[in-house]
Amino acid sequence: MKNSIFTVLAVLLITLLSSATKAADTDRMFKEYDITQVASQDLKAGADKAWVLSYNSNQTPITITLHESKRAKYYVVRGDNFEVAYECCKKGFGASYVKSAYSEVPYELTNSVINREEMNRQKVLTTSQLSDEKAVNLIAAYLPDLVNPSYKHLLN
């Protein structure tokens, strides 16, 4: 009886450790990224600045476009199958769904890819005003957490 309990506990412990290791490897995959600013002549209409974000050189890149107003900086982050926004205003810097005026991806598709709980956690990442460079780096660091685990391949 003691041997079977010990065996079950050992198998359970090994299973838990292997899944924790796998999760750690997935998170590490997104620690390194490249951000390249897009030349002004290549900007989309209405964008003030743009960057290309890639976590892996063999992927479809993610674009970040900046739309500035007097009150806020609005960063639209767009992949092939999702889009999300990060806004920097007097309340701080945080994530939100893309306003309809800037949206290009159907809401239903984005809603499947984006984790709502994480979106709520990222509503305010900092209360400080940020430079564009700092904002884009925060986006690159936090974006992988916004994507549901079954859609992480969209970032690779």
C-alpha atoms as a PDB file:
ATOM      1  CA  MET A   1       0.000   0.000   0.000  1.00  0.00           C
ATOM      2  CA  LYS A   2       2.811   2.415   0.927  1.00  0.00           C
ATOM      3  CA  ASN A   3       4.612   1.595  -2.314  1.00  0.00           C
ATOM      4  CA  SER A   4       1.579   2.410  -4.474  1.00  0.00           C
ATOM      5  CA  ILE A   5       1.006   5.733  -2.671  1.00  0.00           C
ATOM      6  CA  PHE A   6       4.679   6.594  -3.096  1.00  0.00           C
ATOM      7  CA  THR A   7       4.529   5.682  -6.805  1.00  0.00           C
ATOM      8  CA  VAL A   8       1.433   7.813  -7.374  1.00  0.00           C
ATOM      9  CA  LEU A   9       3.010  10.783  -5.574  1.00  0.00           C
ATOM     10  CA  ALA A  10       6.251  10.393  -7.541  1.00  0.00           C
ATOM     11  CA  VAL A  11       4.389  10.312 -10.873  1.00  0.00           C
ATOM     12  CA  LEU A  12       2.321  13.347  -9.859  1.00  0.00           C
ATOM     13  CA  LEU A  13       5.428  15.266  -8.825  1.00  0.00           C
ATOM     14  CA  ILE A  14       7.241  14.458 -12.076  1.00  0.00           C
ATOM     15  CA  THR A  15       4.182  15.506 -14.097  1.00  0.00           C
ATOM     16  CA  LEU A  16       3.926  18.814 -12.259  1.00  0.00           C
ATOM     17  CA  LEU A  17       7.635  19.538 -12.660  1.00  0.00           C
ATOM     18  CA  SER A  18       7.632  18.755 -16.374  1.00  0.00           C
ATOM     19  CA  SER A  19       4.615  20.999 -17.053  1.00  0.00           C
ATOM     20  CA  ALA A  20       6.201  23.823 -15.037  1.00  0.00           C
ATOM     21  CA  THR A  21       9.414  23.450 -17.054  1.00  0.00           C
ATOM     22  CA  LYS A  22       7.461  23.507 -20.317  1.00  0.00           C
ATOM     23  CA  ALA A  23       5.628  26.683 -19.254  1.00  0.00           C
ATOM     24  CA  ALA A  24       8.926  28.330 -18.336  1.00  0.00           C
ATOM     25  CA  ASP A  25      10.371  27.470 -21.766  1.00  0.00           C
ATOM     26  CA  THR A  26       7.345  29.006 -23.504  1.00  0.00           C
ATOM     27  CA  ASP A  27       7.693  32.233 -21.529  1.00  0.00           C
ATOM     28  CA  ARG A  28      11.431  32.418 -22.238  1.00  0.00           C
ATOM     29  CA  MET A  29      10.715  32.171 -25.967  1.00  0.00           C
ATOM     30  CA  PHE A  30       9.307  35.710 -25.918  1.00  0.00           C
ATOM     31  CA  LYS A  31      12.029  37.356 -23.822  1.00  0.00           C
ATOM     32  CA  GLU A  32      14.066  38.194 -26.909  1.00  0.00           C
ATOM     33  CA  TYR A  33      12.598  40.355 -29.629  1.00  0.00           C
ATOM     34  CA  ASP A  34      13.583  42.794 -32.345  1.00  0.00           C
ATOM     35  CA  ILE A  35      11.969  46.168 -32.871  1.00  0.00           C
ATOM     36  CA  THR A  36      12.629  48.093 -36.074  1.00  0.00           C
ATOM     37  CA  GLN A  37      11.243  51.550 -36.741  1.00  0.00           C
ATOM     38  CA  VAL A  38       9.504  51.932 -40.094  1.00  0.00           C
ATOM     39  CA  ALA A  39      10.740  54.731 -42.356  1.00  0.00           C
ATOM     40  CA  SER A  40       8.370  57.686 -42.559  1.00  0.00           C
ATOM     41  CA  GLN A  41       7.710  57.169 -46.282  1.00  0.00           C
ATOM     42  CA  ASP A  42       6.436  53.630 -45.554  1.00  0.00           C
ATOM     43  CA  LEU A  43       3.875  54.649 -42.926  1.00  0.00           C
ATOM     44  CA  LYS A  44       0.208  53.793 -43.351  1.00  0.00           C
ATOM     45  CA  ALA A  45      -2.143  56.713 -43.785  1.00  0.00           C
ATOM     46  CA  GLY A  46      -2.966  58.315 -40.443  1.00  0.00           C
ATOM     47  CA  ALA A  47      -0.022  56.816 -38.561  1.00  0.00           C
ATOM     48  CA  ASP A  48       2.516  59.161 -37.005  1.00  0.00           C
ATOM     49  CA  LYS A  49       5.156  56.467 -36.442  1.00  0.00           C
ATOM     50  CA  ALA A  50       5.389  52.706 -36.847  1.00  0.00           C
ATOM     51  CA  TRP A  51       7.547  49.792 -35.757  1.00  0.00           C
ATOM     52  CA  VAL A  52       7.875  46.140 -36.705  1.00  0.00           C
ATOM     53  CA  LEU A  53       8.073  43.714 -33.780  1.00  0.00           C
ATOM     54  CA  SER A  54       9.330  40.162 -34.160  1.00  0.00           C
ATOM     55  CA  TYR A  55      10.018  37.504 -31.562  1.00  0.00           C
ATOM     56  CA  ASN A  56      11.464  35.104 -34.099  1.00  0.00           C
ATOM     57  CA  SER A  57      13.047  35.918 -37.448  1.00  0.00           C
ATOM     58  CA  ASN A  58      11.024  33.183 -39.212  1.00  0.00           C
ATOM     59  CA  GLN A  59       7.640  34.713 -38.465  1.00  0.00           C
ATOM     60  CA  THR A  60       5.131  37.130 -39.821  1.00  0.00           C
ATOM     61  CA  PRO A  61       6.004  40.348 -38.005  1.00  0.00           C
ATOM     62  CA  ILE A  62       3.671  42.310 -35.780  1.00  0.00           C
ATOM     63  CA  THR A  63       3.208  45.983 -36.586  1.00  0.00           C
ATOM     64  CA  ILE A  64       2.843  48.743 -34.033  1.00  0.00           C
ATOM     65  CA  THR A  65       1.455  52.031 -35.325  1.00  0.00           C
ATOM     66  CA  LEU A  66       1.336  55.221 -33.290  1.00  0.00           C
ATOM     67  CA  HIS A  67      -1.549  57.654 -33.619  1.00  0.00           C
ATOM     68  CA  GLU A  68      -0.991  60.834 -31.613  1.00  0.00           C
ATOM     69  CA  SER A  69      -3.551  63.350 -30.429  1.00  0.00           C
ATOM     70  CA  LYS A  70      -3.307  66.291 -28.050  1.00  0.00           C
ATOM     71  CA  ARG A  71      -4.402  64.129 -25.113  1.00  0.00           C
ATOM     72  CA  ALA A  72      -2.929  60.705 -25.791  1.00  0.00           C
ATOM     73  CA  LYS A  73      -0.651  58.417 -27.739  1.00  0.00           C
ATOM     74  CA  TYR A  74      -2.499  55.428 -29.170  1.00  0.00           C
ATOM     75  CA  TYR A  75      -0.408  52.410 -30.172  1.00  0.00           C
ATOM     76  CA  VAL A  76      -2.205  49.846 -32.357  1.00  0.00           C
ATOM     77  CA  VAL A  77      -0.541  46.425 -32.250  1.00  0.00           C
ATOM     78  CA  ARG A  78      -1.589  44.207 -35.144  1.00  0.00           C
ATOM     79  CA  GLY A  79      -0.775  40.694 -36.253  1.00  0.00           C
ATOM     80  CA  ASP A  80      -2.452  38.751 -39.044  1.00  0.00           C
ATOM     81  CA  ASN A  81      -5.192  37.406 -36.755  1.00  0.00           C
ATOM     82  CA  PHE A  82      -5.498  39.866 -33.883  1.00  0.00           C
ATOM     83  CA  GLU A  83      -5.111  43.459 -32.874  1.00  0.00           C
ATOM     84  CA  VAL A  84      -4.884  45.235 -29.551  1.00  0.00           C
ATOM     85  CA  ALA A  85      -4.139  48.779 -28.452  1.00  0.00           C
ATOM     86  CA  TYR A  86      -1.968  50.345 -25.787  1.00  0.00           C
ATOM     87  CA  GLU A  87      -2.778  53.901 -24.833  1.00  0.00           C
ATOM     88  CA  CYS A  88      -0.569  56.426 -23.082  1.00  0.00           C
ATOM     89  CA  CYS A  89      -2.551  59.280 -21.547  1.00  0.00           C
ATOM     90  CA  LYS A  90      -2.716  61.219 -18.286  1.00  0.00           C
ATOM     91  CA  LYS A  91      -4.192  58.139 -16.533  1.00  0.00           C
ATOM     92  CA  GLY A  92      -1.164  56.075 -17.503  1.00  0.00           C
ATOM     93  CA  PHE A  93      -0.166  53.425 -20.022  1.00  0.00           C
ATOM     94  CA  GLY A  94      -2.162  50.249 -20.585  1.00  0.00           C
ATOM     95  CA  ALA A  95      -3.906  47.809 -22.893  1.00  0.00           C
ATOM     96  CA  SER A  96      -7.368  47.984 -24.442  1.00  0.00           C
ATOM     97  CA  TYR A  97      -9.273  46.740 -27.435  1.00  0.00           C
ATOM     98  CA  VAL A  98      -8.737  48.719 -30.644  1.00  0.00           C
ATOM     99  CA  LYS A  99     -11.160  51.572 -31.310  1.00  0.00           C
ATOM    100  CA  SER A 100     -13.399  50.926 -34.303  1.00  0.00           C
ATOM    101  CA  ALA A 101     -11.827  53.835 -36.222  1.00  0.00           C
ATOM    102  CA  TYR A 102      -8.485  51.975 -36.278  1.00  0.00           C
ATOM    103  CA  SER A 103      -9.724  48.395 -36.396  1.00  0.00           C
ATOM    104  CA  GLU A 104      -8.907  46.116 -39.340  1.00  0.00           C
ATOM    105  CA  VAL A 105      -9.320  42.654 -37.784  1.00  0.00           C
ATOM    106  CA  PRO A 106     -12.814  41.332 -36.943  1.00  0.00           C
ATOM    107  CA  TYR A 107     -13.587  41.662 -33.228  1.00  0.00           C
ATOM    108  CA  GLU A 108     -14.635  38.004 -32.990  1.00  0.00           C
ATOM    109  CA  LEU A 109     -11.229  36.862 -34.195  1.00  0.00           C
ATOM    110  CA  THR A 110      -9.345  39.194 -31.857  1.00  0.00           C
ATOM    111  CA  ASN A 111     -11.610  38.175 -28.983  1.00  0.00           C
ATOM    112  CA  SER A 112     -10.654  34.529 -29.523  1.00  0.00           C
ATOM    113  CA  VAL A 113      -6.941  35.266 -29.521  1.00  0.00           C
ATOM    114  CA  ILE A 114      -6.756  37.787 -26.669  1.00  0.00           C
ATOM    115  CA  ASN A 115      -7.034  36.662 -23.046  1.00  0.00           C
ATOM    116  CA  ARG A 116      -9.686  38.853 -21.380  1.00  0.00           C
ATOM    117  CA  GLU A 117      -8.372  38.325 -17.845  1.00  0.00           C
ATOM    118  CA  GLU A 118      -4.899  39.415 -18.880  1.00  0.00           C
ATOM    119  CA  MET A 119      -6.371  42.375 -20.758  1.00  0.00           C
ATOM    120  CA  ASN A 120      -7.987  43.506 -17.500  1.00  0.00           C
ATOM    121  CA  ARG A 121      -4.667  43.092 -15.649  1.00  0.00           C
ATOM    122  CA  GLN A 122      -2.883  45.201 -18.272  1.00  0.00           C
ATOM    123  CA  LYS A 123      -5.389  48.097 -18.244  1.00  0.00           C
ATOM    124  CA  VAL A 124      -2.771  50.198 -16.437  1.00  0.00           C
ATOM    125  CA  LEU A 125       0.835  49.024 -16.644  1.00  0.00           C
ATOM    126  CA  THR A 126       2.308  52.280 -15.378  1.00  0.00           C
ATOM    127  CA  THR A 127       0.986  55.680 -14.385  1.00  0.00           C
ATOM    128  CA  SER A 128       4.065  57.394 -15.838  1.00  0.00           C
ATOM    129  CA  GLN A 129       4.237  59.155 -19.169  1.00  0.00           C
ATOM    130  CA  LEU A 130       6.523  57.188 -21.481  1.00  0.00           C
ATOM    131  CA  SER A 131       8.775  57.859 -24.429  1.00  0.00           C
ATOM    132  CA  ASP A 132       7.924  55.998 -27.632  1.00  0.00           C
ATOM    133  CA  GLU A 133      10.940  53.736 -27.183  1.00  0.00           C
ATOM    134  CA  LYS A 134       9.939  52.750 -23.639  1.00  0.00           C
ATOM    135  CA  ALA A 135       6.292  52.252 -24.662  1.00  0.00           C
ATOM    136  CA  VAL A 136       7.177  49.989 -27.599  1.00  0.00           C
ATOM    137  CA  ASN A 137       9.510  47.936 -25.397  1.00  0.00           C
ATOM    138  CA  LEU A 138       6.761  47.528 -22.777  1.00  0.00           C
ATOM    139  CA  ILE A 139       4.381  46.418 -25.527  1.00  0.00           C
ATOM    140  CA  ALA A 140       6.893  43.818 -26.722  1.00  0.00           C
ATOM    141  CA  ALA A 141       7.370  42.552 -23.171  1.00  0.00           C
ATOM    142  CA  TYR A 142       3.679  42.331 -22.243  1.00  0.00           C
ATOM    143  CA  LEU A 143       2.073  41.304 -25.554  1.00  0.00           C
ATOM    144  CA  PRO A 144       2.839  37.567 -25.234  1.00  0.00           C
ATOM    145  CA  ASP A 145       0.885  37.483 -21.961  1.00  0.00           C
ATOM    146  CA  LEU A 146      -2.184  38.905 -23.733  1.00  0.00           C
ATOM    147  CA  VAL A 147      -2.339  36.058 -26.231  1.00  0.00           C
ATOM    148  CA  ASN A 148      -4.209  32.919 -25.152  1.00  0.00           C
ATOM    149  CA  PRO A 149      -1.889  29.882 -24.847  1.00  0.00           C
ATOM    150  CA  SER A 150      -3.498  28.056 -27.781  1.00  0.00           C
ATOM    151  CA  TYR A 151      -2.699  31.056 -30.028  1.00  0.00           C
ATOM    152  CA  LYS A 152       0.923  31.714 -28.958  1.00  0.00           C
ATOM    153  CA  HIS A 153       2.036  30.331 -32.329  1.00  0.00           C
ATOM    154  CA  LEU A 154       0.709  33.555 -33.901  1.00  0.00           C
ATOM    155  CA  LEU A 155       3.669  35.344 -32.310  1.00  0.00           C
ATOM    156  CA  ASN A 156       6.223  32.885 -33.745  1.00  0.00           C
END
